[in-house]
Protein backbone atom coordinates (compact mmCIF):
# COMPACT_ATOMS: atom_id res chain seq x y z
CA MET A 1 25.43 138.56 166.89
CA TYR A 2 28.86 136.41 167.36
CA SER A 3 30.33 135.70 170.68
CA PRO A 4 33.96 137.31 171.87
CA ARG A 5 35.35 133.48 171.36
CA PHE A 6 33.87 132.99 168.17
CA ALA A 7 35.21 136.00 166.65
CA ALA A 8 38.70 135.75 167.68
CA MET A 9 38.83 131.57 166.38
CA ILE A 10 37.39 133.29 163.15
CA LEU A 11 40.18 135.95 163.81
CA ILE A 12 42.90 133.15 164.51
CA PHE A 13 41.59 130.68 161.37
CA PHE A 14 41.71 133.78 158.98
CA ALA A 15 45.04 135.22 160.35
CA THR A 16 46.44 131.54 159.82
CA LEU A 17 44.73 131.05 156.54
CA ILE A 18 46.77 133.91 155.91
CA CYS A 19 49.99 132.68 156.81
CA PHE A 20 49.43 129.49 154.87
CA VAL A 21 49.07 131.19 151.62
CA ILE A 22 51.62 133.37 152.37
CA ALA A 23 54.51 130.79 153.18
CA LEU A 24 52.91 128.73 150.90
CA LEU A 25 53.09 131.76 148.10
CA LEU A 26 56.82 132.17 149.11
CA LEU A 27 57.29 128.68 148.66
CA ILE A 28 56.43 128.76 144.87
CA LEU A 29 57.98 131.83 144.88
CA HIS A 30 61.16 129.55 146.26
CA LYS A 31 61.00 127.15 143.47
CA LYS A 32 60.23 129.46 140.57
CA SER A 33 63.42 131.07 141.85
CA TYR A 34 65.72 128.23 142.05
CA MET A 35 63.88 126.80 138.61
CA ILE A 36 65.16 129.97 136.95
CA GLU A 37 69.01 129.48 138.37
CA HIS A 38 69.32 126.00 138.16
CA ASP A 39 68.90 123.96 134.86
CA ASN A 40 65.89 121.61 135.30
CA ILE A 41 67.48 118.38 134.17
CA THR A 42 71.14 117.96 136.41
CA GLY A 43 70.61 120.87 139.39
CA LEU A 44 73.54 122.77 137.55
CA PRO A 45 73.82 126.31 137.98
CA ALA A 46 72.10 127.99 134.89
CA TYR A 47 73.78 129.72 132.79
CA ARG A 48 73.03 132.97 133.28
CA HIS A 49 73.90 131.96 137.34
CA PHE A 50 76.84 130.89 136.44
CA GLU A 51 77.35 133.85 134.49
CA THR A 52 77.02 136.17 137.34
CA ASP A 53 79.30 134.40 139.43
CA ALA A 54 82.32 134.14 136.28
CA LYS A 55 81.84 137.73 136.35
CA LYS A 56 82.15 138.04 140.13
CA LEU A 57 85.47 136.12 139.99
CA LEU A 58 86.80 137.57 137.25
CA LYS A 59 86.31 141.46 137.89
CA ASN A 60 89.91 140.57 140.26
CA ALA A 61 91.90 138.56 138.13
CA ILE A 62 94.58 138.92 136.05
CA PRO A 63 94.75 137.87 132.40
CA ASN A 64 95.09 133.81 132.01
CA GLU A 65 94.49 132.77 135.33
CA TYR A 66 91.35 131.14 134.28
CA MET A 67 89.92 129.51 131.46
CA VAL A 68 87.15 128.85 130.43
CA LEU A 69 86.81 124.75 129.27
CA SER A 70 83.71 122.94 127.14
CA LEU A 71 82.58 119.25 127.00
CA ASN A 72 80.59 117.92 123.99
CA ALA A 73 79.18 114.37 125.08
CA ASP A 74 80.08 112.53 121.58
CA ASN A 75 77.33 110.60 120.28
CA PHE A 76 74.87 111.83 122.63
CA ARG A 77 71.90 112.12 119.68
CA ILE A 78 72.49 108.40 119.20
CA ILE A 79 71.86 107.71 122.56
CA ASN A 80 68.76 109.81 123.11
CA ASP A 81 67.10 108.34 119.77
CA THR A 82 68.44 104.72 120.44
CA TYR A 83 67.06 104.53 123.94
CA GLY A 84 64.74 107.95 124.70
CA ILE A 85 64.74 111.38 126.15
CA LEU A 86 64.52 110.06 129.72
CA CYS A 87 67.55 108.46 129.34
CA GLY A 88 69.49 111.05 128.42
CA ASN A 89 68.44 113.15 130.67
CA GLU A 90 69.89 110.72 133.79
CA ILE A 91 72.34 110.61 132.13
CA LEU A 92 73.38 114.57 132.06
CA LYS A 93 71.75 114.21 135.19
CA LEU A 94 74.54 111.56 136.09
CA LEU A 95 76.90 114.39 134.73
CA GLY A 96 76.14 117.10 135.76
CA HIS A 97 76.55 115.73 139.15
CA HIS A 98 80.22 114.84 138.45
CA PHE A 99 81.05 117.32 136.67
CA LYS A 100 80.33 119.48 139.73
CA SER A 101 81.84 117.20 141.81
CA GLN A 102 85.33 117.96 140.09
CA CYS A 103 85.33 121.47 140.39
CA GLY A 104 87.28 122.86 143.16
CA LYS A 105 87.25 126.36 144.98
CA ASN A 106 86.27 129.49 142.71
CA GLU A 107 85.24 126.86 140.08
CA PHE A 108 82.30 126.75 138.28
CA VAL A 109 79.97 124.61 135.69
CA CYS A 110 76.74 125.16 133.89
CA ARG A 111 75.04 122.74 131.55
CA PHE A 112 75.50 125.53 128.49
CA TYR A 113 72.87 123.27 126.20
CA ALA A 114 72.08 120.08 125.34
CA ASP A 115 74.98 118.35 126.40
CA ASN A 116 76.92 120.86 126.53
CA PHE A 117 78.91 121.80 129.80
CA VAL A 118 80.77 125.07 130.23
CA PHE A 119 83.61 125.13 133.00
CA LEU A 120 85.33 128.55 134.49
CA MET A 121 88.48 127.34 136.19
CA LYS A 122 91.64 128.50 137.12
CA ASN A 123 94.45 127.69 134.09
CA MET A 124 97.81 125.66 134.44
CA GLU A 125 100.82 126.48 133.25
CA PHE A 126 101.38 123.46 130.85
CA PHE A 127 99.26 122.11 128.11
CA TRP A 128 99.38 118.71 129.03
CA ASP A 129 98.39 119.40 132.95
CA ILE A 130 95.23 120.32 131.06
CA GLU A 131 95.15 117.24 128.71
CA GLU A 132 95.12 115.33 132.05
CA ARG A 133 93.11 116.86 134.00
CA VAL A 134 90.47 116.26 131.36
CA TYR A 135 91.06 113.77 130.49
CA ASN A 136 90.26 112.42 134.30
CA MET A 137 87.37 114.58 134.65
CA THR A 138 85.67 112.37 131.35
CA ASN A 139 86.70 109.23 132.36
CA VAL A 140 82.86 108.33 133.51
CA ASP A 141 82.42 105.43 131.89
CA ASN A 142 81.64 103.40 135.22
CA ILE A 143 78.96 106.56 135.68
CA VAL A 144 76.63 105.71 133.12
CA LYS A 145 77.13 102.04 132.50
CA LYS A 146 74.08 101.34 133.67
CA TYR A 147 72.18 103.00 131.37
CA LEU A 148 74.75 101.41 128.12
CA PRO A 149 75.61 98.75 126.42
CA PRO A 150 78.34 96.89 128.12
CA LYS A 151 81.97 98.31 127.16
CA TYR A 152 80.07 101.40 125.75
CA GLN A 153 82.42 104.07 125.96
CA PHE A 154 81.49 107.38 126.54
CA THR A 155 83.79 110.54 124.97
CA PHE A 156 84.09 113.92 125.53
CA SER A 157 85.08 116.56 122.60
CA ALA A 158 86.88 119.32 124.96
CA SER A 159 87.95 122.62 123.84
CA ILE A 160 89.37 125.72 126.29
CA TYR A 161 90.00 129.06 125.91
CA ARG A 162 92.58 130.76 127.85
CA ILE A 163 90.87 133.96 129.71
CA GLU A 164 93.50 136.98 128.20
CA ASN A 165 90.97 139.58 129.42
CA PRO A 166 88.99 138.69 132.39
CA LEU A 167 86.08 141.88 131.46
CA ASP A 168 85.47 140.18 128.40
CA ASP A 169 81.63 139.20 127.75
CA ILE A 170 81.35 135.66 129.08
CA GLU A 171 79.60 134.29 126.17
CA SER A 172 82.37 135.66 124.15
CA MET A 173 84.95 133.18 125.53
CA ILE A 174 82.35 130.57 125.81
CA ASP A 175 81.92 131.31 122.01
CA LYS A 176 86.33 131.37 121.31
CA ALA A 177 86.21 127.61 123.12
CA ASN A 178 82.83 125.97 121.58
CA LEU A 179 84.38 127.56 117.85
CA ALA A 180 87.60 125.80 118.51
CA GLN A 181 85.86 122.66 119.07
CA LYS A 182 83.64 123.11 116.32
CA LEU A 183 86.78 124.05 113.80
CA TYR A 184 88.97 120.72 114.46
CA LYS A 185 86.33 118.19 116.16
CA ASN A 186 87.30 115.55 113.64
CA ARG A 187 91.21 116.30 113.71
CA PHE A 188 91.59 115.44 117.06
CA ALA A 189 91.96 112.16 118.98
CA THR A 190 89.28 111.46 121.15
CA HIS A 191 90.47 113.35 125.09
CA ARG A 192 92.29 115.54 123.38
CA VAL A 193 92.03 118.88 123.97
CA ILE A 194 91.61 121.73 121.36
CA GLU A 195 92.71 125.22 122.68
CA TYR A 196 91.34 128.51 120.83
CA THR A 197 94.89 130.50 119.41
CA SER A 198 95.09 133.31 117.77
CA GLU A 199 96.24 131.45 114.97
CA LEU A 200 93.08 129.71 114.90
CA LYS A 201 91.05 132.90 115.32
CA ASP A 202 93.35 134.29 112.24
CA SER A 203 92.19 130.89 109.79
CA HIS A 204 88.39 131.50 111.18
CA ASN A 205 88.61 134.67 109.73
CA TRP A 206 90.34 133.90 106.92
CA ASN A 207 87.75 131.30 105.68
CA ARG A 208 84.98 133.33 107.13
CA GLU A 209 86.51 136.28 104.08
CA ILE A 210 86.75 133.22 101.82
CA THR A 211 83.55 132.24 101.73
CA LEU A 212 81.72 135.29 101.88
CA SER A 213 84.13 136.81 98.84
CA MET A 214 84.54 133.81 96.69
CA GLU A 215 81.39 134.21 94.36
CA GLU A 216 81.89 137.34 93.66
CA ALA A 217 85.28 136.63 93.39
CA PHE A 218 84.55 134.21 90.75
CA GLU A 219 82.16 137.30 88.98
CA ASN A 220 84.39 139.52 88.90
CA LYS A 221 87.46 136.66 87.01
CA GLU A 222 89.54 137.41 89.96
CA PHE A 223 90.27 133.55 89.63
CA GLU A 224 93.08 132.31 87.21
CA VAL A 225 94.68 129.04 85.54
CA PHE A 226 98.21 128.90 85.62
CA TYR A 227 100.58 126.63 83.83
CA GLN A 228 104.07 124.58 85.64
CA PRO A 229 105.59 123.23 82.49
CA LYS A 230 106.42 119.27 81.94
CA PHE A 231 109.71 118.10 80.18
CA LYS A 232 110.65 114.73 78.48
CA PHE A 233 113.76 114.19 80.25
CA GLU A 234 115.32 112.33 77.22
CA ASP A 235 115.26 115.49 75.45
CA GLU A 236 113.94 118.39 77.20
CA THR A 237 111.63 119.48 75.29
CA VAL A 238 108.13 120.73 76.35
CA ILE A 239 105.41 118.40 76.27
CA GLY A 240 102.67 120.11 78.21
CA ALA A 241 102.63 121.65 81.64
CA GLU A 242 100.08 121.23 84.60
CA ALA A 243 96.97 123.60 84.66
CA LEU A 244 97.21 125.24 88.71
CA ILE A 245 95.07 127.82 89.72
CA ARG A 246 95.62 130.61 91.60
CA TRP A 247 93.30 133.71 92.66
CA ASN A 248 94.27 137.13 92.37
CA ASN A 249 92.73 138.76 94.91
CA PRO A 250 92.72 142.89 94.32
CA ARG A 251 94.19 143.44 97.94
CA LYS A 252 96.33 140.31 99.10
CA GLY A 253 97.64 140.17 95.34
CA PHE A 254 98.16 136.21 94.21
CA LEU A 255 97.72 133.37 96.38
CA SER A 256 98.20 130.26 96.67
CA PRO A 257 95.79 126.86 96.24
CA ALA A 258 96.95 126.29 99.60
CA ARG A 259 95.20 129.22 101.02
CA PHE A 260 91.84 128.32 99.44
CA ILE A 261 91.23 124.81 98.05
CA PRO A 262 90.96 122.65 101.24
CA LEU A 263 88.30 125.51 101.97
CA PHE A 264 87.03 125.10 98.82
CA GLU A 265 86.52 121.53 99.06
CA ASP A 266 84.66 121.62 101.96
CA ASN A 267 82.15 124.25 100.99
CA GLY A 268 81.88 122.37 97.36
CA PHE A 269 82.76 125.39 95.67
CA ILE A 270 85.76 123.25 94.30
CA GLU A 271 83.20 122.36 91.98
CA LYS A 272 82.39 125.25 90.40
CA ILE A 273 86.07 125.95 90.07
CA ASP A 274 87.23 122.31 88.76
CA LYS A 275 84.84 123.08 85.81
CA PHE A 276 86.30 126.49 85.18
CA VAL A 277 90.25 125.16 85.63
CA LEU A 278 89.13 122.66 82.93
CA ASN A 279 87.00 124.78 80.38
CA ARG A 280 90.15 127.01 80.66
CA VAL A 281 92.61 124.12 79.69
CA CYS A 282 90.28 123.71 76.93
CA LEU A 283 90.29 127.07 75.21
CA PHE A 284 93.78 126.43 75.95
CA LEU A 285 94.20 123.55 73.39
CA GLU A 286 91.54 125.05 71.58
CA GLU A 287 93.85 127.82 70.69
CA TRP A 288 97.03 126.04 70.48
CA ASN A 289 95.82 123.72 67.80
CA LYS A 290 95.39 126.97 65.84
CA THR A 291 99.02 127.77 65.70
CA PRO A 292 101.73 126.09 62.99
CA GLU A 293 103.60 125.21 66.00
CA SER A 294 100.81 122.97 67.21
CA LYS A 295 101.27 119.85 64.56
CA SER A 296 104.47 118.97 65.20
CA GLN A 297 104.42 119.83 69.02
CA PRO A 298 101.06 118.25 70.74
CA LEU A 299 100.66 119.41 74.25
CA THR A 300 98.83 117.17 77.26
CA ILE A 301 97.58 119.73 79.65
CA SER A 302 96.76 118.18 83.03
CA PHE A 303 94.23 119.35 85.81
CA ASN A 304 93.28 118.45 89.49
CA LEU A 305 90.42 117.05 89.95
CA SER A 306 88.70 117.45 93.44
CA ARG A 307 88.10 113.67 95.26
CA TYR A 308 84.64 115.81 96.02
CA ASN A 309 84.32 116.35 92.43
CA LEU A 310 84.21 111.68 92.61
CA TYR A 311 80.78 111.77 94.26
CA ASN A 312 79.01 113.93 91.44
CA PRO A 313 76.63 111.54 89.47
CA ASN A 314 77.35 113.72 86.50
CA LEU A 315 80.95 114.15 86.48
CA ILE A 316 81.36 112.17 83.32
CA SER A 317 78.73 113.72 81.44
CA ASP A 318 79.80 116.84 82.83
CA LEU A 319 83.97 116.17 81.81
CA LYS A 320 82.39 115.37 78.64
CA GLN A 321 80.08 118.26 77.30
CA ILE A 322 83.19 120.08 78.77
CA SER A 323 85.48 119.23 76.62
CA ARG A 324 83.31 118.33 73.64
CA SER A 325 82.96 122.21 73.04
CA TYR A 326 86.38 122.58 71.76
CA ASP A 327 88.17 121.71 69.17
CA ILE A 328 91.90 120.39 71.27
CA GLY A 329 92.91 118.56 68.46
CA ASP A 330 95.65 115.69 68.74
CA ASN A 331 95.93 117.48 72.11
CA LYS A 332 95.14 115.61 75.09
CA ILE A 333 93.89 116.17 78.31
CA GLU A 334 94.78 114.79 81.45
CA VAL A 335 93.16 114.32 85.02
CA GLU A 336 94.70 113.68 87.96
CA LEU A 337 94.16 112.67 91.15
CA THR A 338 94.99 112.63 94.75
CA GLU A 339 96.93 109.35 95.60
CA ARG A 340 95.15 110.44 98.98
CA ILE A 341 91.69 109.94 97.55
CA MET A 342 92.40 105.91 97.37
CA ILE A 343 92.00 105.55 101.33
CA ASP A 344 88.17 106.65 101.15
CA ASN A 345 86.69 104.55 98.39
CA PRO A 346 89.15 102.78 96.59
CA SER A 347 87.16 100.84 94.55
CA ARG A 348 84.80 103.61 93.68
CA LEU A 349 88.31 105.28 92.18
CA ILE A 350 89.13 102.74 89.93
CA LYS A 351 86.15 102.62 88.49
CA ILE A 352 85.64 106.30 87.80
CA MET A 353 89.37 105.84 86.88
CA SER A 354 88.00 103.87 83.91
CA GLU A 355 84.98 105.95 83.33
CA ILE A 356 87.77 108.82 82.78
CA LYS A 357 89.71 107.07 80.20
CA LYS A 358 86.54 105.59 78.44
CA ALA A 359 85.51 109.57 78.00
CA GLY A 360 88.66 110.50 75.89
CA PHE A 361 90.93 111.54 78.87
CA SER A 362 94.14 110.63 80.08
CA VAL A 363 94.42 109.67 83.96
CA SER A 364 97.24 110.54 86.19
CA VAL A 365 97.97 109.82 89.68
CA ASP A 366 99.14 112.17 91.44
CA ASP A 367 101.35 112.25 95.23
CA PHE A 368 102.45 108.40 94.28
CA GLY A 369 104.27 107.21 97.54
CA ALA A 370 102.63 109.41 100.10
CA GLY A 371 101.41 107.33 102.12
CA TYR A 372 98.02 105.27 101.07
CA SER A 373 98.83 103.15 97.84
CA SER A 374 100.23 99.58 97.22
CA LEU A 375 102.03 97.91 94.41
CA ASN A 376 98.48 95.45 94.90
CA LEU A 377 95.93 98.69 93.91
CA LEU A 378 98.29 100.34 91.48
CA LYS A 379 97.89 96.94 89.80
CA ASN A 380 94.29 97.78 89.23
CA MET A 381 94.72 101.01 88.72
CA PRO A 382 93.52 102.18 85.02
CA ALA A 383 96.48 104.88 85.59
CA ASP A 384 98.50 106.31 82.77
CA VAL A 385 100.62 108.11 84.38
CA ILE A 386 102.09 108.39 88.04
CA LYS A 387 103.57 111.74 89.73
CA LEU A 388 106.01 110.53 92.43
CA ASP A 389 105.54 112.09 95.79
CA LYS A 390 108.31 115.29 95.63
CA GLU A 391 108.75 113.86 99.69
CA PHE A 392 110.60 111.87 97.48
CA LEU A 393 113.53 114.40 96.54
CA SER A 394 113.51 116.26 100.01
CA SER A 395 115.82 114.81 102.11
CA GLN A 396 119.95 116.02 102.52
CA GLU A 397 121.52 112.95 104.17
CA GLU A 398 123.64 110.54 101.95
CA ASN A 399 122.58 107.99 103.36
CA LYS A 400 118.62 109.20 103.00
CA ASN A 401 119.52 110.27 99.27
CA GLN A 402 120.60 106.78 98.67
CA LYS A 403 117.46 105.26 100.28
CA GLU A 404 115.21 107.78 97.78
CA ARG A 405 117.21 106.84 94.95
CA ILE A 406 116.54 102.75 95.24
CA ILE A 407 112.73 103.55 95.99
CA ILE A 408 112.47 105.81 93.18
CA THR A 409 114.22 103.84 90.79
CA SER A 410 112.12 100.61 91.63
CA VAL A 411 108.44 102.62 91.49
CA ILE A 412 109.89 103.55 87.99
CA GLU A 413 110.66 100.38 86.98
CA MET A 414 107.41 98.74 87.83
CA ALA A 415 105.85 101.46 86.23
CA LYS A 416 107.29 100.60 82.77
CA LYS A 417 106.32 97.15 83.25
CA LEU A 418 103.04 98.18 83.55
CA ASN A 419 103.00 100.57 80.81
CA ILE A 420 102.96 103.52 83.14
CA THR A 421 104.22 106.95 82.36
CA THR A 422 106.35 108.69 84.86
CA VAL A 423 106.36 112.05 86.02
CA ALA A 424 108.65 113.38 88.84
CA GLU A 425 108.05 116.62 90.24
CA GLY A 426 109.33 119.24 92.70
CA VAL A 427 112.76 118.80 90.60
CA GLU A 428 114.91 121.39 92.14
CA THR A 429 118.27 120.79 91.75
CA LYS A 430 120.42 119.51 89.05
CA ASP A 431 121.59 116.39 91.31
CA GLN A 432 117.63 115.54 91.30
CA CYS A 433 117.44 115.97 87.56
CA GLU A 434 120.61 113.63 86.96
CA MET A 435 119.74 110.83 89.69
CA LEU A 436 115.92 111.18 87.92
CA LYS A 437 117.73 110.76 84.07
CA THR A 438 119.66 108.25 85.20
CA SER A 439 116.62 106.23 87.29
CA GLY A 440 114.58 106.13 83.97
CA CYS A 441 112.02 108.72 84.68
CA ASP A 442 109.96 109.89 81.73
CA ILE A 443 109.09 113.29 82.89
CA ALA A 444 110.38 116.27 85.08
CA GLN A 445 108.44 119.10 86.57
CA GLY A 446 109.88 121.43 89.01
CA PHE A 447 111.49 125.17 89.51
CA TYR A 448 114.73 123.76 88.00
CA TYR A 449 112.92 123.69 84.62
CA ALA A 450 109.95 126.26 85.27
CA LYS A 451 108.08 128.23 87.36
CA PRO A 452 104.19 128.39 87.26
CA MET A 453 103.35 130.82 84.90
CA GLN A 454 100.16 132.59 83.68
CA GLU A 455 98.69 131.84 80.27
CA LYS A 456 99.65 134.40 78.51
CA LEU A 457 103.35 133.48 79.29
CA PHE A 458 103.27 130.01 78.75
CA LYS A 459 102.40 130.74 75.53
CA GLU A 460 105.32 132.97 74.83
CA PHE A 461 107.52 130.27 76.58
CA LEU A 462 106.29 128.23 74.21
CA GLY A 463 106.76 130.09 71.51
CA MET A 464 110.55 130.62 72.72
CA LYS A 465 111.10 126.46 72.84
CA GLU A 466 110.06 126.08 69.83
CA LYS A 467 112.25 128.70 68.32
CA GLN A 468 115.65 127.55 69.89
CA SER A 469 114.65 123.27 68.60
CA VAL A 470 114.57 124.94 64.79
C-alpha cells in the first residue's frame, strides 16, 4: 500500500501531466487555427478570414463606398525560376508586411493566390487619386532590392472594381477586378490602374458570345463576303473591288468586321475566315471569267490577310492551293497587308511579300501612312499597290487640308517613281475626289462612289456599269 503522501504526489504528477497535455493541445489547436486563418508565407489573413471581415464591413456600407484592388507582381515566375522558390517566398513575405502597413482603418489585404494580392479599400471619387495611391503602394524597389539584381524594377499590374452592391459575393467582386486586369493587362503602361466597368463587362460578354458561337456560325454559313468597288480616277470605270467579311448574325443582323475580327485574330479563328474569303473571291472571279463582260473588263479583287497568317509556315502553299482550284482567267487577286504589320517584323514581312508575289498574287499595303512605315522601308518593299490611309482625308480645317494635300501629292509622286499604284480609300466627298484626281492618284474607293455590297448586288452593279459604258 502506498502512503498517503506518495499517493498525493502521484495525483499531483498526473494532474500536472494532464494540464501540460491540455496546454500543449490548446497550443497546437491555436497554431493550427492561426495557420488556417493566416497565409503561411506572408502571415496575412487567409482569404476566408479576409472574406469574413469584408462581409462584416460591407454589411452596412453604401454603394461605391469601397472598392476591391487587385495587384499582380509582374514577371514573378521568372524571379522564382531564376532565384528559387525560397527567395520568391521571402519577397512575398516582405510584400505582405508592406501592404499590411498601407491599409488604413477598415481596410484589409490578403494574398489571394500566388503573387496576387487583394485589398478591400476605401473608394476615391477621382480616378487619378486611386492611381496615385496605387503608385505609392507599389513603389517597393527599396523593400525587395536585397533579393534582386541592381536597378531591377519590381512592378505590378493593378485593377479595381468599385463595389456597386456591397451585399454581392466577395469572390465575385475580386473576379471582376481580376477580369479587368486579364483583359487589358498588356494594353496599359506599368502602374496604370485598370477599372472594371459596365462597358468592359459588355465587351467581355460579347467576346464570350462570339467565341462560343463562331464555329456554329461558320457551319450555318452566316459569314458573307461583301464587295466595295474600286474605280479608275481618269475615267471612273470599275477596275475591281475589295472583298470584306461580314457576319450575318440571326439575332443582331449584319456585323461589321470591327465587332469580331480583333477577337478572331486573338483566338486564331481568323485563319479560317481568311481562307473562306479567298475561296469566295476565287469563286466569284471564276464565275465572272465565264461572262462575256469579263473579256473587256478583267477585275482585280483584293482581300485582307491578317498578320496572324504571316506566322503560318504553310501560308504560301495554302494560298496557291486555293487559287489554283479555280479558273480565274485574266482576273487578278490582290493580297492586302496592313501597314501596321511593319512594326512587328519588317524583314519577315518583306520576305513573305516576295513569296506572295512569286505565287502569282499582287501585293497591297493597306493604311499606308498610318504611322509605322518609312520611306526607306517602302523602298525595300516589293509592293504593287499602296492604299493611302483614310485619315489623310479626315480633316475639315482649311490649313490642315493644305498639309494633307501636300503629303498626299508627295506620296503619290514618290509611288509613281517606284512604279507603285496608289489607291485612296475612304473617299466620301466630291472635293476629296477632285483633290485626289488632281494629285495624280490612280484608284478611288469610298462611299462617294459605292458602298460595300453583297455579291449578288456587286454582279448587278458590274452589269449595269458595263451596259452604261456600251
